[in-house]
Amino acid sequence: KEREERDSALNDALERIGGGDDDMPTAGYTGGSGADSADYEEMVYGDTTSFIDKLNEQMGEYELTDRQRSIMEYLIGSLDDDGLLRKPLDTIADELAIYHNIDASEAEIEQVLKILQHFDPAGIGARSLQECLLLQIARRPDSRLKTLMQEVVEHHFEAFTKKHWDKISQALKLNSVQTETLQQEIRKPNP
């Protein structure tokens, strides 16, 4: 959606290039400085801070050793575009040894990965959709609903992915109102 908005704003700007001064927007123009200009530039060019940069900024909020920081940077660089880590930890251990001369065990990499999984957005660094959902659910406030959501994703994931809510409802002994509430909440983005 952001890309479409940027493309639309860029196309509008390109169309105005051929027009005269009367076609140029003037409302809120501050001579190239100020909030209106910055908002317009962000709309046209998008946020200039990359996703990886944002994750690296969050790394500064944690006390990490140099070794952990190196492993974290490698993990961040290994994330797919959707934020999932699809490389097995043994492969990452091999790559760290070969390319960075860091002999890290899978357990050590897992420990650093757990730190990464506390970063925003919720679900970052998950190794599967199921783990991603569990990470998101874990950030919700404790409640009966949270417990049910965890139960569904942990123990009824296949039925969940196939939208077999009747089976889930039966297994968890839920009435129709409870099932509907659970369906609605589990689809919501993390608060």
N, C-alpha and C. Protein backbone atom coordinates (compact mmCIF):
# COMPACT_ATOMS: atom_id res chain seq x y z
N LYS A 1 0.82 -1.19 0.00
CA LYS A 1 0.00 0.00 0.00
C LYS A 1 0.87 1.26 0.00
N GLU A 2 1.96 1.23 0.82
CA GLU A 2 2.86 2.38 0.85
C GLU A 2 3.47 2.60 -0.53
N ARG A 3 3.85 1.50 -1.19
CA ARG A 3 4.47 1.62 -2.51
C ARG A 3 3.48 2.24 -3.48
N GLU A 4 2.21 1.82 -3.42
CA GLU A 4 1.19 2.39 -4.31
C GLU A 4 1.02 3.88 -4.04
N GLU A 5 1.01 4.27 -2.76
CA GLU A 5 0.87 5.69 -2.41
C GLU A 5 2.06 6.49 -2.92
N ARG A 6 3.28 5.94 -2.75
CA ARG A 6 4.48 6.63 -3.24
C ARG A 6 4.45 6.75 -4.75
N ASP A 7 4.07 5.63 -5.43
CA ASP A 7 3.99 5.67 -6.89
C ASP A 7 2.98 6.70 -7.36
N SER A 8 1.83 6.76 -6.71
CA SER A 8 0.79 7.72 -7.07
C SER A 8 1.29 9.16 -6.87
N ALA A 9 1.92 9.41 -5.72
CA ALA A 9 2.44 10.75 -5.44
C ALA A 9 3.54 11.12 -6.42
N LEU A 10 4.38 10.15 -6.76
CA LEU A 10 5.46 10.41 -7.72
C LEU A 10 4.89 10.69 -9.10
N ASN A 11 3.89 9.92 -9.51
CA ASN A 11 3.25 10.16 -10.81
C ASN A 11 2.60 11.54 -10.85
N ASP A 12 1.94 11.94 -9.75
CA ASP A 12 1.34 13.28 -9.69
C ASP A 12 2.42 14.35 -9.82
N ALA A 13 3.53 14.16 -9.14
CA ALA A 13 4.62 15.13 -9.20
C ALA A 13 5.20 15.20 -10.61
N LEU A 14 5.35 14.05 -11.25
CA LEU A 14 5.89 14.03 -12.61
C LEU A 14 4.95 14.72 -13.60
N GLU A 15 3.65 14.56 -13.39
CA GLU A 15 2.68 15.22 -14.26
C GLU A 15 2.77 16.74 -14.11
N ARG A 16 3.03 17.21 -12.88
CA ARG A 16 3.12 18.64 -12.62
C ARG A 16 4.39 19.26 -13.21
N ILE A 17 5.41 18.45 -13.45
CA ILE A 17 6.66 18.98 -13.99
C ILE A 17 6.43 19.67 -15.33
N GLY A 18 5.58 19.11 -16.16
CA GLY A 18 5.32 19.68 -17.47
C GLY A 18 4.42 20.91 -17.43
N GLY A 19 3.74 21.14 -16.32
CA GLY A 19 2.81 22.26 -16.22
C GLY A 19 3.51 23.53 -15.80
N GLY A 20 2.75 24.60 -15.75
CA GLY A 20 3.29 25.90 -15.35
C GLY A 20 3.30 26.04 -13.84
N ASP A 21 3.68 27.23 -13.37
CA ASP A 21 3.73 27.48 -11.94
C ASP A 21 2.35 27.40 -11.29
N ASP A 22 1.31 27.66 -12.09
CA ASP A 22 -0.05 27.61 -11.54
C ASP A 22 -0.42 26.20 -11.10
N ASP A 23 0.20 25.18 -11.69
CA ASP A 23 -0.12 23.79 -11.37
C ASP A 23 0.58 23.30 -10.11
N MET A 24 1.55 24.03 -9.62
CA MET A 24 2.34 23.58 -8.47
C MET A 24 1.54 23.77 -7.19
N PRO A 25 1.64 22.83 -6.25
CA PRO A 25 0.93 22.97 -4.98
C PRO A 25 1.57 24.07 -4.15
N THR A 26 0.74 24.87 -3.51
CA THR A 26 1.27 25.96 -2.68
C THR A 26 0.80 25.86 -1.24
N ALA A 27 -0.31 25.25 -1.00
CA ALA A 27 -0.84 25.20 0.36
C ALA A 27 0.11 24.42 1.25
N GLY A 28 0.51 25.04 2.32
CA GLY A 28 1.36 24.37 3.29
C GLY A 28 2.82 24.33 2.88
N TYR A 29 3.19 24.94 1.76
CA TYR A 29 4.59 24.91 1.34
C TYR A 29 5.40 25.80 2.26
N THR A 30 6.50 25.27 2.77
CA THR A 30 7.30 26.01 3.74
C THR A 30 8.70 26.27 3.22
N GLY A 31 8.85 26.34 1.92
CA GLY A 31 10.16 26.67 1.38
C GLY A 31 11.15 25.53 1.50
N GLY A 32 10.69 24.30 1.54
CA GLY A 32 11.60 23.17 1.57
C GLY A 32 12.02 22.75 2.97
N SER A 33 11.46 23.37 3.99
CA SER A 33 11.78 22.93 5.35
C SER A 33 10.49 22.87 6.14
N GLY A 34 10.54 22.22 7.26
CA GLY A 34 9.36 22.15 8.11
C GLY A 34 8.64 20.82 7.95
N ALA A 35 7.62 20.65 8.75
CA ALA A 35 6.93 19.37 8.81
C ALA A 35 6.20 19.04 7.53
N ASP A 36 5.55 20.01 6.89
CA ASP A 36 4.79 19.71 5.68
C ASP A 36 5.71 19.17 4.59
N SER A 37 6.86 19.78 4.43
CA SER A 37 7.81 19.33 3.43
C SER A 37 8.32 17.93 3.75
N ALA A 38 8.63 17.68 5.01
CA ALA A 38 9.12 16.37 5.43
C ALA A 38 8.05 15.31 5.21
N ASP A 39 6.81 15.65 5.54
CA ASP A 39 5.72 14.70 5.32
C ASP A 39 5.57 14.39 3.84
N TYR A 40 5.67 15.42 2.99
CA TYR A 40 5.54 15.22 1.55
C TYR A 40 6.69 14.34 1.04
N GLU A 41 7.91 14.62 1.51
CA GLU A 41 9.05 13.82 1.07
C GLU A 41 8.89 12.38 1.51
N GLU A 42 8.43 12.14 2.74
CA GLU A 42 8.25 10.77 3.20
C GLU A 42 7.18 10.09 2.39
N MET A 43 6.12 10.84 2.01
CA MET A 43 5.06 10.26 1.21
C MET A 43 5.60 9.85 -0.17
N VAL A 44 6.42 10.69 -0.77
CA VAL A 44 6.95 10.41 -2.11
C VAL A 44 8.04 9.35 -2.05
N TYR A 45 8.98 9.52 -1.16
CA TYR A 45 10.15 8.65 -1.13
C TYR A 45 10.03 7.50 -0.15
N GLY A 46 9.11 7.56 0.74
CA GLY A 46 8.96 6.53 1.74
C GLY A 46 9.93 6.74 2.89
N ASP A 47 9.81 5.90 3.88
CA ASP A 47 10.71 5.97 5.02
C ASP A 47 12.09 5.56 4.55
N THR A 48 13.06 6.41 4.76
CA THR A 48 14.41 6.13 4.27
C THR A 48 15.17 5.17 5.18
N THR A 49 14.63 4.85 6.34
CA THR A 49 15.25 3.89 7.23
C THR A 49 14.79 2.50 6.83
N SER A 50 15.73 1.62 6.51
CA SER A 50 15.37 0.28 6.06
C SER A 50 14.92 -0.57 7.25
N PHE A 51 14.29 -1.66 6.94
CA PHE A 51 13.82 -2.60 7.93
C PHE A 51 15.01 -3.12 8.74
N ILE A 52 16.10 -3.44 8.05
CA ILE A 52 17.30 -3.94 8.73
C ILE A 52 17.87 -2.86 9.64
N ASP A 53 17.87 -1.60 9.18
CA ASP A 53 18.35 -0.50 10.01
C ASP A 53 17.52 -0.39 11.29
N LYS A 54 16.22 -0.55 11.17
CA LYS A 54 15.34 -0.45 12.34
C LYS A 54 15.65 -1.57 13.33
N LEU A 55 15.92 -2.77 12.81
CA LEU A 55 16.28 -3.89 13.70
C LEU A 55 17.63 -3.63 14.35
N ASN A 56 18.58 -3.11 13.58
CA ASN A 56 19.89 -2.81 14.15
C ASN A 56 19.80 -1.72 15.23
N GLU A 57 18.90 -0.76 15.05
CA GLU A 57 18.68 0.27 16.07
C GLU A 57 18.17 -0.36 17.36
N GLN A 58 17.25 -1.32 17.23
CA GLN A 58 16.69 -1.98 18.40
C GLN A 58 17.76 -2.79 19.14
N MET A 59 18.75 -3.27 18.40
CA MET A 59 19.83 -4.04 19.01
C MET A 59 20.54 -3.20 20.07
N GLY A 60 20.60 -1.88 19.85
CA GLY A 60 21.24 -0.99 20.80
C GLY A 60 20.53 -0.91 22.14
N GLU A 61 19.31 -1.38 22.21
CA GLU A 61 18.54 -1.34 23.45
C GLU A 61 18.86 -2.51 24.38
N TYR A 62 19.70 -3.44 23.90
CA TYR A 62 20.04 -4.63 24.67
C TYR A 62 21.53 -4.64 24.97
N GLU A 63 21.88 -5.14 26.13
CA GLU A 63 23.29 -5.28 26.47
C GLU A 63 23.79 -6.59 25.88
N LEU A 64 24.52 -6.48 24.80
CA LEU A 64 25.06 -7.65 24.12
C LEU A 64 26.58 -7.59 24.11
N THR A 65 27.19 -8.75 24.19
CA THR A 65 28.64 -8.80 24.03
C THR A 65 28.95 -8.57 22.54
N ASP A 66 30.20 -8.31 22.24
CA ASP A 66 30.59 -8.13 20.83
C ASP A 66 30.26 -9.38 20.03
N ARG A 67 30.48 -10.53 20.62
CA ARG A 67 30.19 -11.81 19.96
C ARG A 67 28.68 -11.94 19.68
N GLN A 68 27.86 -11.66 20.69
CA GLN A 68 26.41 -11.72 20.51
C GLN A 68 25.95 -10.72 19.45
N ARG A 69 26.57 -9.54 19.45
CA ARG A 69 26.22 -8.51 18.47
C ARG A 69 26.54 -9.00 17.06
N SER A 70 27.68 -9.66 16.88
CA SER A 70 28.05 -10.19 15.57
C SER A 70 27.07 -11.27 15.12
N ILE A 71 26.69 -12.14 16.05
CA ILE A 71 25.72 -13.18 15.73
C ILE A 71 24.37 -12.55 15.40
N MET A 72 23.97 -11.56 16.18
CA MET A 72 22.69 -10.88 15.95
C MET A 72 22.67 -10.22 14.57
N GLU A 73 23.74 -9.53 14.22
CA GLU A 73 23.81 -8.88 12.91
C GLU A 73 23.68 -9.91 11.80
N TYR A 74 24.31 -11.07 11.99
CA TYR A 74 24.21 -12.11 10.97
C TYR A 74 22.78 -12.66 10.89
N LEU A 75 22.16 -12.85 12.04
CA LEU A 75 20.78 -13.33 12.06
C LEU A 75 19.86 -12.33 11.36
N ILE A 76 20.03 -11.05 11.65
CA ILE A 76 19.20 -10.02 11.02
C ILE A 76 19.39 -10.04 9.51
N GLY A 77 20.64 -10.19 9.07
CA GLY A 77 20.92 -10.27 7.64
C GLY A 77 20.40 -11.53 6.99
N SER A 78 20.11 -12.55 7.79
CA SER A 78 19.61 -13.83 7.26
C SER A 78 18.09 -13.90 7.19
N LEU A 79 17.40 -12.88 7.71
CA LEU A 79 15.94 -12.88 7.68
C LEU A 79 15.43 -12.73 6.26
N ASP A 80 14.32 -13.41 5.96
CA ASP A 80 13.66 -13.22 4.67
C ASP A 80 12.94 -11.88 4.68
N ASP A 81 12.43 -11.48 3.52
CA ASP A 81 11.71 -10.21 3.41
C ASP A 81 10.51 -10.14 4.35
N ASP A 82 9.95 -11.28 4.69
CA ASP A 82 8.79 -11.30 5.59
C ASP A 82 9.19 -11.37 7.06
N GLY A 83 10.50 -11.32 7.35
CA GLY A 83 10.96 -11.31 8.73
C GLY A 83 11.16 -12.67 9.35
N LEU A 84 10.93 -13.73 8.57
CA LEU A 84 11.12 -15.08 9.09
C LEU A 84 12.57 -15.51 8.88
N LEU A 85 13.05 -16.39 9.74
CA LEU A 85 14.37 -16.98 9.62
C LEU A 85 14.17 -18.41 9.12
N ARG A 86 14.42 -18.61 7.85
CA ARG A 86 14.17 -19.92 7.25
C ARG A 86 15.42 -20.79 7.19
N LYS A 87 16.58 -20.21 7.48
CA LYS A 87 17.82 -20.99 7.49
C LYS A 87 17.89 -21.79 8.78
N PRO A 88 18.25 -23.05 8.69
CA PRO A 88 18.44 -23.83 9.92
C PRO A 88 19.63 -23.28 10.72
N LEU A 89 19.57 -23.44 12.04
CA LEU A 89 20.62 -22.90 12.90
C LEU A 89 21.97 -23.56 12.63
N ASP A 90 21.98 -24.84 12.23
CA ASP A 90 23.27 -25.47 11.93
C ASP A 90 23.92 -24.85 10.69
N THR A 91 23.10 -24.43 9.73
CA THR A 91 23.63 -23.74 8.55
C THR A 91 24.19 -22.38 8.94
N ILE A 92 23.48 -21.68 9.81
CA ILE A 92 23.96 -20.38 10.28
C ILE A 92 25.28 -20.55 11.04
N ALA A 93 25.38 -21.60 11.86
CA ALA A 93 26.62 -21.87 12.60
C ALA A 93 27.77 -22.09 11.62
N ASP A 94 27.52 -22.86 10.57
CA ASP A 94 28.56 -23.11 9.55
C ASP A 94 28.96 -21.82 8.86
N GLU A 95 27.98 -21.01 8.48
CA GLU A 95 28.27 -19.76 7.77
C GLU A 95 29.02 -18.77 8.66
N LEU A 96 28.65 -18.71 9.93
CA LEU A 96 29.38 -17.84 10.86
C LEU A 96 30.84 -18.27 10.97
N ALA A 97 31.07 -19.57 11.01
CA ALA A 97 32.44 -20.08 11.11
C ALA A 97 33.23 -19.78 9.84
N ILE A 98 32.61 -19.99 8.68
CA ILE A 98 33.31 -19.81 7.40
C ILE A 98 33.53 -18.34 7.09
N TYR A 99 32.48 -17.53 7.17
CA TYR A 99 32.55 -16.15 6.70
C TYR A 99 32.98 -15.13 7.75
N HIS A 100 32.79 -15.46 9.03
CA HIS A 100 33.08 -14.48 10.08
C HIS A 100 34.04 -15.00 11.15
N ASN A 101 34.52 -16.22 10.95
CA ASN A 101 35.46 -16.83 11.89
C ASN A 101 34.90 -16.84 13.31
N ILE A 102 33.59 -17.09 13.43
CA ILE A 102 32.93 -17.19 14.74
C ILE A 102 32.45 -18.63 14.90
N ASP A 103 33.02 -19.32 15.86
CA ASP A 103 32.64 -20.71 16.13
C ASP A 103 31.53 -20.70 17.18
N ALA A 104 30.30 -20.66 16.72
CA ALA A 104 29.14 -20.57 17.62
C ALA A 104 28.33 -21.86 17.55
N SER A 105 27.89 -22.32 18.70
CA SER A 105 27.05 -23.51 18.74
C SER A 105 25.61 -23.12 18.38
N GLU A 106 24.83 -24.12 18.02
CA GLU A 106 23.42 -23.86 17.73
C GLU A 106 22.72 -23.30 18.96
N ALA A 107 23.09 -23.77 20.15
CA ALA A 107 22.47 -23.28 21.39
C ALA A 107 22.78 -21.80 21.59
N GLU A 108 24.00 -21.39 21.29
CA GLU A 108 24.37 -19.98 21.43
C GLU A 108 23.61 -19.12 20.42
N ILE A 109 23.48 -19.62 19.21
CA ILE A 109 22.73 -18.89 18.18
C ILE A 109 21.26 -18.80 18.58
N GLU A 110 20.73 -19.88 19.12
CA GLU A 110 19.33 -19.90 19.58
C GLU A 110 19.11 -18.86 20.67
N GLN A 111 20.08 -18.73 21.58
CA GLN A 111 19.98 -17.75 22.66
C GLN A 111 19.90 -16.32 22.10
N VAL A 112 20.72 -16.02 21.10
CA VAL A 112 20.69 -14.69 20.48
C VAL A 112 19.40 -14.52 19.69
N LEU A 113 18.95 -15.59 19.03
CA LEU A 113 17.68 -15.53 18.29
C LEU A 113 16.52 -15.19 19.21
N LYS A 114 16.52 -15.74 20.42
CA LYS A 114 15.45 -15.44 21.39
C LYS A 114 15.43 -13.95 21.72
N ILE A 115 16.60 -13.32 21.76
CA ILE A 115 16.65 -11.87 22.01
C ILE A 115 16.05 -11.14 20.81
N LEU A 116 16.44 -11.55 19.60
CA LEU A 116 15.90 -10.94 18.38
C LEU A 116 14.39 -11.04 18.35
N GLN A 117 13.84 -12.14 18.83
CA GLN A 117 12.40 -12.35 18.79
C GLN A 117 11.64 -11.43 19.75
N HIS A 118 12.36 -10.67 20.57
CA HIS A 118 11.73 -9.65 21.41
C HIS A 118 11.65 -8.30 20.70
N PHE A 119 12.29 -8.18 19.54
CA PHE A 119 12.26 -6.93 18.78
C PHE A 119 10.89 -6.73 18.17
N ASP A 120 10.67 -5.52 17.68
CA ASP A 120 9.45 -5.21 16.94
C ASP A 120 9.76 -5.28 15.46
N PRO A 121 8.82 -5.72 14.68
CA PRO A 121 7.45 -6.10 15.01
C PRO A 121 7.39 -7.48 15.65
N ALA A 122 6.32 -7.71 16.37
CA ALA A 122 6.12 -9.01 17.02
C ALA A 122 6.13 -10.11 15.97
N GLY A 123 6.85 -11.16 16.25
CA GLY A 123 6.94 -12.29 15.32
C GLY A 123 8.23 -12.30 14.52
N ILE A 124 9.04 -11.25 14.65
CA ILE A 124 10.29 -11.18 13.90
C ILE A 124 11.21 -12.31 14.35
N GLY A 125 11.91 -12.92 13.39
CA GLY A 125 12.85 -13.98 13.71
C GLY A 125 12.22 -15.34 13.92
N ALA A 126 10.93 -15.45 13.70
CA ALA A 126 10.27 -16.75 13.82
C ALA A 126 10.76 -17.66 12.69
N ARG A 127 10.72 -18.95 12.94
CA ARG A 127 11.19 -19.90 11.93
C ARG A 127 10.05 -20.57 11.18
N SER A 128 8.83 -20.22 11.55
CA SER A 128 7.65 -20.76 10.88
C SER A 128 6.47 -19.83 11.17
N LEU A 129 5.40 -20.01 10.42
CA LEU A 129 4.19 -19.23 10.68
C LEU A 129 3.66 -19.52 12.08
N GLN A 130 3.71 -20.78 12.48
CA GLN A 130 3.23 -21.16 13.80
C GLN A 130 4.02 -20.44 14.89
N GLU A 131 5.35 -20.43 14.79
CA GLU A 131 6.16 -19.75 15.78
C GLU A 131 5.90 -18.25 15.75
N CYS A 132 5.70 -17.69 14.56
CA CYS A 132 5.41 -16.26 14.42
C CYS A 132 4.12 -15.91 15.17
N LEU A 133 3.09 -16.69 14.98
CA LEU A 133 1.82 -16.44 15.67
C LEU A 133 1.98 -16.58 17.18
N LEU A 134 2.73 -17.58 17.62
CA LEU A 134 2.93 -17.77 19.06
C LEU A 134 3.70 -16.59 19.67
N LEU A 135 4.67 -16.07 18.93
CA LEU A 135 5.40 -14.90 19.42
C LEU A 135 4.48 -13.69 19.54
N GLN A 136 3.58 -13.53 18.58
CA GLN A 136 2.64 -12.41 18.63
C GLN A 136 1.65 -12.58 19.78
N ILE A 137 1.15 -13.78 19.95
CA ILE A 137 0.19 -14.05 21.03
C ILE A 137 0.85 -13.83 22.39
N ALA A 138 2.12 -14.20 22.51
CA ALA A 138 2.83 -14.07 23.79
C ALA A 138 2.89 -12.63 24.27
N ARG A 139 2.80 -11.68 23.38
CA ARG A 139 2.88 -10.26 23.76
C ARG A 139 1.53 -9.70 24.22
N ARG A 140 0.50 -10.46 24.05
CA ARG A 140 -0.82 -9.99 24.47
C ARG A 140 -0.94 -10.07 25.99
N PRO A 141 -1.81 -9.26 26.58
CA PRO A 141 -2.00 -9.33 28.04
C PRO A 141 -2.58 -10.70 28.42
N ASP A 142 -2.22 -11.17 29.59
CA ASP A 142 -2.72 -12.46 30.07
C ASP A 142 -4.24 -12.41 30.19
N SER A 143 -4.86 -13.44 29.66
CA SER A 143 -6.32 -13.57 29.73
C SER A 143 -6.70 -14.98 29.32
N ARG A 144 -7.93 -15.31 29.53
CA ARG A 144 -8.45 -16.61 29.09
C ARG A 144 -8.37 -16.71 27.58
N LEU A 145 -8.64 -15.61 26.89
CA LEU A 145 -8.58 -15.59 25.43
C LEU A 145 -7.16 -15.87 24.93
N LYS A 146 -6.17 -15.26 25.57
CA LYS A 146 -4.77 -15.50 25.20
C LYS A 146 -4.44 -16.98 25.36
N THR A 147 -4.87 -17.58 26.45
CA THR A 147 -4.62 -18.99 26.70
C THR A 147 -5.25 -19.85 25.61
N LEU A 148 -6.49 -19.51 25.22
CA LEU A 148 -7.16 -20.26 24.15
C LEU A 148 -6.44 -20.09 22.81
N MET A 149 -5.99 -18.88 22.53
CA MET A 149 -5.26 -18.64 21.29
C MET A 149 -3.98 -19.48 21.24
N GLN A 150 -3.25 -19.52 22.36
CA GLN A 150 -2.04 -20.33 22.42
C GLN A 150 -2.38 -21.81 22.21
N GLU A 151 -3.44 -22.25 22.82
CA GLU A 151 -3.87 -23.65 22.69
C GLU A 151 -4.17 -23.99 21.24
N VAL A 152 -4.87 -23.11 20.56
CA VAL A 152 -5.21 -23.33 19.16
C VAL A 152 -3.95 -23.43 18.31
N VAL A 153 -3.06 -22.46 18.46
CA VAL A 153 -1.88 -22.42 17.60
C VAL A 153 -0.89 -23.52 17.96
N GLU A 154 -0.75 -23.85 19.24
CA GLU A 154 0.19 -24.90 19.64
C GLU A 154 -0.32 -26.30 19.33
N HIS A 155 -1.59 -26.57 19.61
CA HIS A 155 -2.08 -27.94 19.58
C HIS A 155 -3.10 -28.24 18.48
N HIS A 156 -3.61 -27.22 17.83
CA HIS A 156 -4.61 -27.43 16.78
C HIS A 156 -4.25 -26.62 15.53
N PHE A 157 -2.96 -26.52 15.27
CA PHE A 157 -2.49 -25.64 14.19
C PHE A 157 -2.98 -26.10 12.82
N GLU A 158 -2.95 -27.38 12.57
CA GLU A 158 -3.40 -27.87 11.26
C GLU A 158 -4.87 -27.55 11.04
N ALA A 159 -5.69 -27.80 12.04
CA ALA A 159 -7.11 -27.46 11.93
C ALA A 159 -7.29 -25.95 11.76
N PHE A 160 -6.47 -25.17 12.46
CA PHE A 160 -6.52 -23.71 12.35
C PHE A 160 -6.20 -23.26 10.93
N THR A 161 -5.13 -23.81 10.33
CA THR A 161 -4.73 -23.39 8.98
C THR A 161 -5.78 -23.79 7.95
N LYS A 162 -6.53 -24.84 8.25
CA LYS A 162 -7.58 -25.29 7.32
C LYS A 162 -8.94 -24.69 7.67
N LYS A 163 -8.94 -23.81 8.68
CA LYS A 163 -10.16 -23.13 9.14
C LYS A 163 -11.25 -24.12 9.57
N HIS A 164 -10.84 -25.18 10.21
CA HIS A 164 -11.78 -26.17 10.74
C HIS A 164 -12.16 -25.78 12.17
N TRP A 165 -12.88 -24.67 12.26
CA TRP A 165 -13.24 -24.15 13.56
C TRP A 165 -14.20 -25.05 14.32
N ASP A 166 -14.97 -25.84 13.58
CA ASP A 166 -15.87 -26.78 14.26
C ASP A 166 -15.07 -27.81 15.05
N LYS A 167 -13.97 -28.30 14.48
CA LYS A 167 -13.12 -29.28 15.18
C LYS A 167 -12.43 -28.62 16.38
N ILE A 168 -11.95 -27.41 16.19
CA ILE A 168 -11.28 -26.68 17.26
C ILE A 168 -12.27 -26.41 18.40
N SER A 169 -13.45 -25.96 18.04
CA SER A 169 -14.49 -25.66 19.02
C SER A 169 -14.86 -26.89 19.82
N GLN A 170 -14.97 -28.00 19.12
CA GLN A 170 -15.32 -29.26 19.79
C GLN A 170 -14.19 -29.71 20.73
N ALA A 171 -12.95 -29.63 20.27
CA ALA A 171 -11.80 -30.06 21.07
C ALA A 171 -11.63 -29.20 22.33
N LEU A 172 -11.92 -27.92 22.20
CA LEU A 172 -11.75 -27.00 23.33
C LEU A 172 -13.05 -26.79 24.11
N LYS A 173 -14.12 -27.45 23.67
CA LYS A 173 -15.42 -27.35 24.33
C LYS A 173 -15.90 -25.89 24.41
N LEU A 174 -15.91 -25.22 23.25
CA LEU A 174 -16.33 -23.83 23.17
C LEU A 174 -17.72 -23.74 22.57
N ASN A 175 -18.49 -22.75 23.03
CA ASN A 175 -19.78 -22.50 22.40
C ASN A 175 -19.56 -21.62 21.17
N SER A 176 -20.62 -21.34 20.43
CA SER A 176 -20.49 -20.59 19.18
C SER A 176 -19.99 -19.16 19.41
N VAL A 177 -20.43 -18.52 20.49
CA VAL A 177 -19.99 -17.15 20.78
C VAL A 177 -18.49 -17.14 21.11
N GLN A 178 -18.06 -18.08 21.92
CA GLN A 178 -16.64 -18.16 22.26
C GLN A 178 -15.79 -18.44 21.02
N THR A 179 -16.27 -19.31 20.15
CA THR A 179 -15.54 -19.64 18.92
C THR A 179 -15.44 -18.42 18.02
N GLU A 180 -16.53 -17.68 17.89
CA GLU A 180 -16.53 -16.46 17.05
C GLU A 180 -15.56 -15.42 17.61
N THR A 181 -15.58 -15.24 18.92
CA THR A 181 -14.66 -14.28 19.56
C THR A 181 -13.22 -14.70 19.32
N LEU A 182 -12.94 -15.97 19.48
CA LEU A 182 -11.59 -16.49 19.27
C LEU A 182 -11.14 -16.27 17.83
N GLN A 183 -12.02 -16.55 16.88
CA GLN A 183 -11.70 -16.34 15.46
C GLN A 183 -11.35 -14.87 15.20
N GLN A 184 -12.15 -13.96 15.72
CA GLN A 184 -11.93 -12.53 15.49
C GLN A 184 -10.61 -12.07 16.11
N GLU A 185 -10.33 -12.50 17.32
CA GLU A 185 -9.14 -12.06 18.03
C GLU A 185 -7.86 -12.63 17.42
N ILE A 186 -7.92 -13.84 16.97
CA ILE A 186 -6.71 -14.48 16.44
C ILE A 186 -6.33 -13.87 15.08
N ARG A 187 -7.28 -13.22 14.42
CA ARG A 187 -7.00 -12.57 13.13
C ARG A 187 -6.48 -11.14 13.30
N LYS A 188 -6.69 -10.56 14.48
CA LYS A 188 -6.28 -9.17 14.71
C LYS A 188 -4.76 -9.07 14.75
N PRO A 189 -4.23 -7.96 14.25
CA PRO A 189 -2.80 -7.73 14.42
C PRO A 189 -2.47 -7.52 15.89
N ASN A 190 -1.24 -7.77 16.24
CA ASN A 190 -0.81 -7.61 17.62
C ASN A 190 -0.94 -6.15 18.05
N PRO A 191 -1.49 -5.87 19.24
CA PRO A 191 -1.67 -4.48 19.68
C PRO A 191 -0.34 -3.78 19.91
